[in-house]
PDB file of N, CA and C in Angstrom:
ATOM      1  N   MET A   1      -1.514  10.544 -19.947  1.00  0.00           N
ATOM      2  CA  MET A   1      -1.474   9.715 -18.751  1.00  0.00           C
ATOM      3  C   MET A   1      -0.507  10.339 -17.743  1.00  0.00           C
ATOM      4  N   ASP A   2      -0.804  10.186 -16.476  1.00  0.00           N
ATOM      5  CA  ASP A   2       0.076  10.714 -15.431  1.00  0.00           C
ATOM      6  C   ASP A   2       1.412   9.979 -15.451  1.00  0.00           C
ATOM      7  N   ARG A   3       2.439  10.637 -14.965  1.00  0.00           N
ATOM      8  CA  ARG A   3       3.775  10.035 -14.893  1.00  0.00           C
ATOM      9  C   ARG A   3       3.749   8.750 -14.052  1.00  0.00           C
ATOM     10  N   ALA A   4       3.059   8.759 -12.918  1.00  0.00           N
ATOM     11  CA  ALA A   4       2.988   7.565 -12.073  1.00  0.00           C
ATOM     12  C   ALA A   4       2.357   6.407 -12.841  1.00  0.00           C
ATOM     13  N   SER A   5       1.321   6.679 -13.594  1.00  0.00           N
ATOM     14  CA  SER A   5       0.681   5.628 -14.381  1.00  0.00           C
ATOM     15  C   SER A   5       1.647   5.066 -15.408  1.00  0.00           C
ATOM     16  N   ASP A   6       2.407   5.932 -16.062  1.00  0.00           N
ATOM     17  CA  ASP A   6       3.389   5.479 -17.047  1.00  0.00           C
ATOM     18  C   ASP A   6       4.423   4.563 -16.409  1.00  0.00           C
ATOM     19  N   VAL A   7       4.899   4.954 -15.238  1.00  0.00           N
ATOM     20  CA  VAL A   7       5.903   4.159 -14.533  1.00  0.00           C
ATOM     21  C   VAL A   7       5.314   2.805 -14.149  1.00  0.00           C
ATOM     22  N   LEU A   8       4.128   2.810 -13.558  1.00  0.00           N
ATOM     23  CA  LEU A   8       3.515   1.562 -13.123  1.00  0.00           C
ATOM     24  C   LEU A   8       3.268   0.610 -14.290  1.00  0.00           C
ATOM     25  N   LEU A   9       2.829   1.153 -15.403  1.00  0.00           N
ATOM     26  CA  LEU A   9       2.564   0.307 -16.567  1.00  0.00           C
ATOM     27  C   LEU A   9       3.843  -0.248 -17.183  1.00  0.00           C
ATOM     28  N   ALA A  10       4.966   0.419 -16.951  1.00  0.00           N
ATOM     29  CA  ALA A  10       6.247  -0.041 -17.507  1.00  0.00           C
ATOM     30  C   ALA A  10       6.898  -1.126 -16.652  1.00  0.00           C
ATOM     31  N   LEU A  11       6.433  -1.294 -15.409  1.00  0.00           N
ATOM     32  CA  LEU A  11       7.020  -2.313 -14.530  1.00  0.00           C
ATOM     33  C   LEU A  11       6.512  -3.695 -14.916  1.00  0.00           C
ATOM     34  N   ARG A  12       7.383  -4.685 -14.796  1.00  0.00           N
ATOM     35  CA  ARG A  12       7.049  -6.060 -15.188  1.00  0.00           C
ATOM     36  C   ARG A  12       7.073  -6.962 -13.958  1.00  0.00           C
ATOM     37  N   PRO A  13       5.896  -7.281 -13.410  1.00  0.00           N
ATOM     38  CA  PRO A  13       5.858  -8.177 -12.252  1.00  0.00           C
ATOM     39  C   PRO A  13       6.355  -9.579 -12.634  1.00  0.00           C
ATOM     40  N   VAL A  14       6.990 -10.238 -11.687  1.00  0.00           N
ATOM     41  CA  VAL A  14       7.489 -11.596 -11.897  1.00  0.00           C
ATOM     42  C   VAL A  14       7.086 -12.480 -10.722  1.00  0.00           C
ATOM     43  N   THR A  15       7.068 -13.770 -10.959  1.00  0.00           N
ATOM     44  CA  THR A  15       6.908 -14.732  -9.871  1.00  0.00           C
ATOM     45  C   THR A  15       8.219 -15.500  -9.762  1.00  0.00           C
ATOM     46  N   PHE A  16       8.540 -15.895  -8.538  1.00  0.00           N
ATOM     47  CA  PHE A  16       9.781 -16.619  -8.304  1.00  0.00           C
ATOM     48  C   PHE A  16       9.655 -17.411  -7.014  1.00  0.00           C
ATOM     49  N   ARG A  17      10.612 -18.277  -6.792  1.00  0.00           N
ATOM     50  CA  ARG A  17      10.703 -19.032  -5.537  1.00  0.00           C
ATOM     51  C   ARG A  17      12.104 -18.822  -4.977  1.00  0.00           C
ATOM     52  N   TYR A  18      12.173 -18.638  -3.665  1.00  0.00           N
ATOM     53  CA  TYR A  18      13.477 -18.519  -3.021  1.00  0.00           C
ATOM     54  C   TYR A  18      14.174 -19.876  -3.031  1.00  0.00           C
ATOM     55  N   LYS A  19      15.479 -19.852  -2.897  1.00  0.00           N
ATOM     56  CA  LYS A  19      16.255 -21.082  -2.798  1.00  0.00           C
ATOM     57  C   LYS A  19      15.776 -21.867  -1.582  1.00  0.00           C
ATOM     58  N   PRO A  20      15.858 -23.211  -1.649  1.00  0.00           N
ATOM     59  CA  PRO A  20      15.360 -24.045  -0.534  1.00  0.00           C
ATOM     60  C   PRO A  20      15.960 -23.697   0.824  1.00  0.00           C
ATOM     61  N   GLU A  21      17.220 -23.243   0.863  1.00  0.00           N
ATOM     62  CA  GLU A  21      17.805 -22.891   2.160  1.00  0.00           C
ATOM     63  C   GLU A  21      17.172 -21.632   2.765  1.00  0.00           C
ATOM     64  N   ILE A  22      16.519 -20.833   1.933  1.00  0.00           N
ATOM     65  CA  ILE A  22      15.823 -19.643   2.433  1.00  0.00           C
ATOM     66  C   ILE A  22      14.359 -19.960   2.720  1.00  0.00           C
ATOM     67  N   ASP A  23      13.718 -20.692   1.802  1.00  0.00           N
ATOM     68  CA  ASP A  23      12.313 -21.067   1.960  1.00  0.00           C
ATOM     69  C   ASP A  23      12.144 -22.529   1.565  1.00  0.00           C
ATOM     70  N   PRO A  24      12.293 -23.436   2.529  1.00  0.00           N
ATOM     71  CA  PRO A  24      12.207 -24.871   2.225  1.00  0.00           C
ATOM     72  C   PRO A  24      10.877 -25.294   1.594  1.00  0.00           C
ATOM     73  N   GLU A  25       9.806 -24.538   1.867  1.00  0.00           N
ATOM     74  CA  GLU A  25       8.498 -24.894   1.319  1.00  0.00           C
ATOM     75  C   GLU A  25       8.321 -24.425  -0.123  1.00  0.00           C
ATOM     76  N   GLY A  26       9.178 -23.538  -0.594  1.00  0.00           N
ATOM     77  CA  GLY A  26       9.111 -23.064  -1.979  1.00  0.00           C
ATOM     78  C   GLY A  26       7.843 -22.308  -2.321  1.00  0.00           C
ATOM     79  N   VAL A  27       7.383 -21.485  -1.399  1.00  0.00           N
ATOM     80  CA  VAL A  27       6.164 -20.712  -1.626  1.00  0.00           C
ATOM     81  C   VAL A  27       6.404 -19.710  -2.763  1.00  0.00           C
ATOM     82  N   PRO A  28       5.498 -19.663  -3.748  1.00  0.00           N
ATOM     83  CA  PRO A  28       5.677 -18.690  -4.831  1.00  0.00           C
ATOM     84  C   PRO A  28       5.650 -17.256  -4.291  1.00  0.00           C
ATOM     85  N   GLN A  29       6.551 -16.444  -4.787  1.00  0.00           N
ATOM     86  CA  GLN A  29       6.651 -15.039  -4.399  1.00  0.00           C
ATOM     87  C   GLN A  29       6.354 -14.175  -5.623  1.00  0.00           C
ATOM     88  N   PHE A  30       5.945 -12.954  -5.391  1.00  0.00           N
ATOM     89  CA  PHE A  30       5.664 -12.012  -6.463  1.00  0.00           C
ATOM     90  C   PHE A  30       6.490 -10.762  -6.222  1.00  0.00           C
ATOM     91  N   GLY A  31       7.033 -10.193  -7.260  1.00  0.00           N
ATOM     92  CA  GLY A  31       7.834  -8.994  -7.072  1.00  0.00           C
ATOM     93  C   GLY A  31       8.260  -8.384  -8.389  1.00  0.00           C
ATOM     94  N   LEU A  32       9.290  -7.562  -8.295  1.00  0.00           N
ATOM     95  CA  LEU A  32       9.856  -6.863  -9.445  1.00  0.00           C
ATOM     96  C   LEU A  32      11.356  -7.101  -9.472  1.00  0.00           C
ATOM     97  N   VAL A  33      11.948  -7.052 -10.642  1.00  0.00           N
ATOM     98  CA  VAL A  33      13.401  -7.193 -10.784  1.00  0.00           C
ATOM     99  C   VAL A  33      13.995  -5.793 -10.635  1.00  0.00           C
ATOM    100  N   ALA A  34      14.801  -5.607  -9.597  1.00  0.00           N
ATOM    101  CA  ALA A  34      15.333  -4.278  -9.268  1.00  0.00           C
ATOM    102  C   ALA A  34      16.072  -3.646 -10.441  1.00  0.00           C
ATOM    103  N   GLU A  35      16.833  -4.429 -11.194  1.00  0.00           N
ATOM    104  CA  GLU A  35      17.584  -3.882 -12.326  1.00  0.00           C
ATOM    105  C   GLU A  35      16.644  -3.353 -13.412  1.00  0.00           C
ATOM    106  N   GLU A  36      15.497  -3.992 -13.590  1.00  0.00           N
ATOM    107  CA  GLU A  36      14.505  -3.508 -14.553  1.00  0.00           C
ATOM    108  C   GLU A  36      13.809  -2.252 -14.032  1.00  0.00           C
ATOM    109  N   VAL A  37      13.502  -2.248 -12.745  1.00  0.00           N
ATOM    110  CA  VAL A  37      12.851  -1.085 -12.128  1.00  0.00           C
ATOM    111  C   VAL A  37      13.751   0.146 -12.243  1.00  0.00           C
ATOM    112  N   GLU A  38      15.035  -0.037 -12.033  1.00  0.00           N
ATOM    113  CA  GLU A  38      15.996   1.066 -12.098  1.00  0.00           C
ATOM    114  C   GLU A  38      15.990   1.731 -13.468  1.00  0.00           C
ATOM    115  N   LYS A  39      15.782   0.956 -14.519  1.00  0.00           N
ATOM    116  CA  LYS A  39      15.726   1.513 -15.876  1.00  0.00           C
ATOM    117  C   LYS A  39      14.475   2.352 -16.095  1.00  0.00           C
ATOM    118  N   VAL A  40      13.394   1.993 -15.419  1.00  0.00           N
ATOM    119  CA  VAL A  40      12.131   2.713 -15.549  1.00  0.00           C
ATOM    120  C   VAL A  40      12.141   3.976 -14.691  1.00  0.00           C
ATOM    121  N   ASN A  41      12.602   3.824 -13.431  1.00  0.00           N
ATOM    122  CA  ASN A  41      12.651   4.965 -12.511  1.00  0.00           C
ATOM    123  C   ASN A  41      13.701   4.683 -11.441  1.00  0.00           C
ATOM    124  N   PRO A  42      14.870   5.306 -11.550  1.00  0.00           N
ATOM    125  CA  PRO A  42      15.966   5.059 -10.593  1.00  0.00           C
ATOM    126  C   PRO A  42      15.616   5.386  -9.149  1.00  0.00           C
ATOM    127  N   ASP A  43      14.616   6.228  -8.928  1.00  0.00           N
ATOM    128  CA  ASP A  43      14.225   6.580  -7.564  1.00  0.00           C
ATOM    129  C   ASP A  43      13.509   5.436  -6.849  1.00  0.00           C
ATOM    130  N   LEU A  44      13.167   4.391  -7.574  1.00  0.00           N
ATOM    131  CA  LEU A  44      12.422   3.290  -6.974  1.00  0.00           C
ATOM    132  C   LEU A  44      13.310   2.125  -6.540  1.00  0.00           C
ATOM    133  N   VAL A  45      14.629   2.337  -6.530  1.00  0.00           N
ATOM    134  CA  VAL A  45      15.538   1.293  -6.048  1.00  0.00           C
ATOM    135  C   VAL A  45      16.419   1.830  -4.932  1.00  0.00           C
ATOM    136  N   VAL A  46      16.867   0.918  -4.090  1.00  0.00           N
ATOM    137  CA  VAL A  46      17.822   1.228  -3.024  1.00  0.00           C
ATOM    138  C   VAL A  46      19.175   0.710  -3.486  1.00  0.00           C
ATOM    139  N   ARG A  47      20.197   1.490  -3.238  1.00  0.00           N
ATOM    140  CA  ARG A  47      21.552   1.094  -3.621  1.00  0.00           C
ATOM    141  C   ARG A  47      22.362   0.743  -2.376  1.00  0.00           C
ATOM    142  N   ASP A  48      23.337  -0.131  -2.563  1.00  0.00           N
ATOM    143  CA  ASP A  48      24.218  -0.495  -1.454  1.00  0.00           C
ATOM    144  C   ASP A  48      25.328   0.542  -1.306  1.00  0.00           C
ATOM    145  N   GLU A  49      26.221   0.310  -0.355  1.00  0.00           N
ATOM    146  CA  GLU A  49      27.286   1.288  -0.071  1.00  0.00           C
ATOM    147  C   GLU A  49      28.242   1.487  -1.250  1.00  0.00           C
ATOM    148  N   ASN A  50      28.256   0.537  -2.192  1.00  0.00           N
ATOM    149  CA  ASN A  50      29.118   0.660  -3.374  1.00  0.00           C
ATOM    150  C   ASN A  50      28.387   1.243  -4.578  1.00  0.00           C
ATOM    151  N   GLY A  51      27.120   1.592  -4.392  1.00  0.00           N
ATOM    152  CA  GLY A  51      26.336   2.162  -5.482  1.00  0.00           C
ATOM    153  C   GLY A  51      25.620   1.129  -6.333  1.00  0.00           C
ATOM    154  N   GLY A  52      25.768  -0.136  -5.985  1.00  0.00           N
ATOM    155  CA  GLY A  52      25.078  -1.197  -6.721  1.00  0.00           C
ATOM    156  C   GLY A  52      23.611  -1.267  -6.339  1.00  0.00           C
ATOM    157  N   ILE A  53      22.813  -1.790  -7.230  1.00  0.00           N
ATOM    158  CA  ILE A  53      21.385  -1.936  -6.956  1.00  0.00           C
ATOM    159  C   ILE A  53      21.194  -3.024  -5.908  1.00  0.00           C
ATOM    160  N   TYR A  54      20.437  -2.691  -4.858  1.00  0.00           N
ATOM    161  CA  TYR A  54      20.249  -3.622  -3.745  1.00  0.00           C
ATOM    162  C   TYR A  54      18.834  -4.214  -3.736  1.00  0.00           C
ATOM    163  N   THR A  55      17.805  -3.347  -3.827  1.00  0.00           N
ATOM    164  CA  THR A  55      16.428  -3.827  -3.760  1.00  0.00           C
ATOM    165  C   THR A  55      15.478  -2.771  -4.324  1.00  0.00           C
ATOM    166  N   VAL A  56      14.237  -3.169  -4.472  1.00  0.00           N
ATOM    167  CA  VAL A  56      13.168  -2.268  -4.921  1.00  0.00           C
ATOM    168  C   VAL A  56      12.575  -1.564  -3.707  1.00  0.00           C
ATOM    169  N   ARG A  57      12.260  -0.296  -3.867  1.00  0.00           N
ATOM    170  CA  ARG A  57      11.562   0.451  -2.809  1.00  0.00           C
ATOM    171  C   ARG A  57      10.066   0.174  -2.932  1.00  0.00           C
ATOM    172  N   TYR A  58       9.669  -0.992  -2.424  1.00  0.00           N
ATOM    173  CA  TYR A  58       8.268  -1.390  -2.555  1.00  0.00           C
ATOM    174  C   TYR A  58       7.324  -0.414  -1.859  1.00  0.00           C
ATOM    175  N   ASP A  59       7.790   0.261  -0.817  1.00  0.00           N
ATOM    176  CA  ASP A  59       6.945   1.264  -0.163  1.00  0.00           C
ATOM    177  C   ASP A  59       6.567   2.365  -1.144  1.00  0.00           C
ATOM    178  N   ALA A  60       7.514   2.795  -1.964  1.00  0.00           N
ATOM    179  CA  ALA A  60       7.243   3.846  -2.951  1.00  0.00           C
ATOM    180  C   ALA A  60       6.359   3.316  -4.078  1.00  0.00           C
ATOM    181  N   VAL A  61       6.619   2.094  -4.524  1.00  0.00           N
ATOM    182  CA  VAL A  61       5.794   1.498  -5.587  1.00  0.00           C
ATOM    183  C   VAL A  61       4.356   1.350  -5.089  1.00  0.00           C
ATOM    184  N   ASN A  62       4.194   0.860  -3.863  1.00  0.00           N
ATOM    185  CA  ASN A  62       2.849   0.705  -3.297  1.00  0.00           C
ATOM    186  C   ASN A  62       2.137   2.047  -3.173  1.00  0.00           C
ATOM    187  N   ALA A  63       2.849   3.080  -2.760  1.00  0.00           N
ATOM    188  CA  ALA A  63       2.247   4.410  -2.653  1.00  0.00           C
ATOM    189  C   ALA A  63       1.798   4.908  -4.025  1.00  0.00           C
ATOM    190  N   MET A  64       2.614   4.661  -5.043  1.00  0.00           N
ATOM    191  CA  MET A  64       2.239   5.058  -6.403  1.00  0.00           C
ATOM    192  C   MET A  64       0.985   4.305  -6.847  1.00  0.00           C
ATOM    193  N   CYS A  65       0.911   3.021  -6.532  1.00  0.00           N
ATOM    194  CA  CYS A  65      -0.268   2.224  -6.890  1.00  0.00           C
ATOM    195  C   CYS A  65      -1.510   2.771  -6.196  1.00  0.00           C
ATOM    196  N   SER A  66      -1.369   3.077  -4.928  1.00  0.00           N
ATOM    197  CA  SER A  66      -2.496   3.588  -4.154  1.00  0.00           C
ATOM    198  C   SER A  66      -2.975   4.929  -4.689  1.00  0.00           C
ATOM    199  N   THR A  67      -2.049   5.823  -4.959  1.00  0.00           N
ATOM    200  CA  THR A  67      -2.395   7.138  -5.487  1.00  0.00           C
ATOM    201  C   THR A  67      -3.053   7.010  -6.851  1.00  0.00           C
ATOM    202  N   ASN A  68      -2.477   6.186  -7.685  1.00  0.00           N
ATOM    203  CA  ASN A  68      -3.014   5.988  -9.026  1.00  0.00           C
ATOM    204  C   ASN A  68      -4.413   5.377  -8.964  1.00  0.00           C
ATOM    205  N   SER A  69      -4.596   4.413  -8.068  1.00  0.00           N
ATOM    206  CA  SER A  69      -5.896   3.782  -7.909  1.00  0.00           C
ATOM    207  C   SER A  69      -6.940   4.789  -7.440  1.00  0.00           C
ATOM    208  N   SER A  70      -6.556   5.660  -6.515  1.00  0.00           N
ATOM    209  CA  SER A  70      -7.482   6.685  -6.013  1.00  0.00           C
ATOM    210  C   SER A  70      -7.901   7.629  -7.127  1.00  0.00           C
ATOM    211  N   LYS A  71      -6.937   8.028  -7.952  1.00  0.00           N
ATOM    212  CA  LYS A  71      -7.255   8.916  -9.076  1.00  0.00           C
ATOM    213  C   LYS A  71      -8.214   8.243 -10.036  1.00  0.00           C
ATOM    214  N   ASN A  72      -7.958   6.968 -10.332  1.00  0.00           N
ATOM    215  CA  ASN A  72      -8.824   6.248 -11.260  1.00  0.00           C
ATOM    216  C   ASN A  72     -10.209   6.030 -10.684  1.00  0.00           C
ATOM    217  N   THR A  73     -10.300   5.802  -9.373  1.00  0.00           N
ATOM    218  CA  THR A  73     -11.598   5.639  -8.729  1.00  0.00           C
ATOM    219  C   THR A  73     -12.394   6.929  -8.839  1.00  0.00           C
ATOM    220  N   GLY A  74     -11.722   8.063  -8.631  1.00  0.00           N
ATOM    221  CA  GLY A  74     -12.390   9.359  -8.768  1.00  0.00           C
ATOM    222  C   GLY A  74     -12.879   9.591 -10.177  1.00  0.00           C
ATOM    223  N   ARG A  75     -12.078   9.238 -11.151  1.00  0.00           N
ATOM    224  CA  ARG A  75     -12.482   9.385 -12.549  1.00  0.00           C
ATOM    225  C   ARG A  75     -13.696   8.503 -12.840  1.00  0.00           C
ATOM    226  N   TRP A  76     -13.695   7.292 -12.300  1.00  0.00           N
ATOM    227  CA  TRP A  76     -14.788   6.355 -12.523  1.00  0.00           C
ATOM    228  C   TRP A  76     -16.081   6.884 -11.906  1.00  0.00           C
ATOM    229  N   LYS A  77     -15.990   7.400 -10.687  1.00  0.00           N
ATOM    230  CA  LYS A  77     -17.180   7.916 -10.005  1.00  0.00           C
ATOM    231  C   LYS A  77     -17.726   9.158 -10.692  1.00  0.00           C
ATOM    232  N   ASN A  78     -16.840   9.968 -11.298  1.00  0.00           N
ATOM    233  CA  ASN A  78     -17.251  11.231 -11.915  1.00  0.00           C
ATOM    234  C   ASN A  78     -17.615  11.099 -13.392  1.00  0.00           C
ATOM    235  N   ARG A  79     -17.592   9.891 -13.930  1.00  0.00           N
ATOM    236  CA  ARG A  79     -17.920   9.728 -15.343  1.00  0.00           C
ATOM    237  C   ARG A  79     -19.395  10.046 -15.572  1.00  0.00           C
ATOM    238  N   LYS A  80     -19.696  10.421 -16.772  1.00  0.00           N
ATOM    239  CA  LYS A  80     -21.081  10.759 -17.110  1.00  0.00           C
ATOM    240  C   LYS A  80     -21.879   9.472 -17.219  1.00  0.00           C
ATOM    241  N   GLN A  81     -22.967   9.436 -16.499  1.00  0.00           N
ATOM    242  CA  GLN A  81     -23.843   8.264 -16.514  1.00  0.00           C
ATOM    243  C   GLN A  81     -24.768   8.321 -17.739  1.00  0.00           C
ATOM    244  N   PRO A  82     -24.968   7.205 -18.425  1.00  0.00           N
ATOM    245  CA  PRO A  82     -25.926   7.211 -19.529  1.00  0.00           C
ATOM    246  C   PRO A  82     -27.348   7.361 -18.990  1.00  0.00           C
ATOM    247  N   SER A  83     -28.177   8.018 -19.749  1.00  0.00           N
ATOM    248  CA  SER A  83     -29.568   8.190 -19.303  1.00  0.00           C
ATOM    249  C   SER A  83     -30.274   6.846 -19.369  1.00  0.00           C
ATOM    250  N   ARG A  84     -31.200   6.644 -18.456  1.00  0.00           N
ATOM    251  CA  ARG A  84     -31.909   5.358 -18.388  1.00  0.00           C
ATOM    252  C   ARG A  84     -33.376   5.525 -18.791  1.00  0.00           C
ATOM    253  N   SER A  85     -33.633   6.425 -19.671  1.00  0.00           N
ATOM    254  CA  SER A  85     -35.030   6.630 -20.061  1.00  0.00           C
ATOM    255  C   SER A  85     -35.402   5.841 -21.285  1.00  0.00           C
TER     256      SER A  85
END
């Protein structure tokens, strides 16, 4: 499996709600826990000025998903078709 696929499969999506003072409607959110992402691939997190984990680089995660999806689509299209005779 490609390295990107390994990384993506190791990530654990979560659902959460922001505190009422941030989102009074409590709309469910989807994301990743930055501390968990850092263990899988440190390049996928942003650090603050003190070196602490600040957030996930969702732009990089999304790019990995897109690239991986494109590769899988190509594999799917190029698979050998069973004969229909």
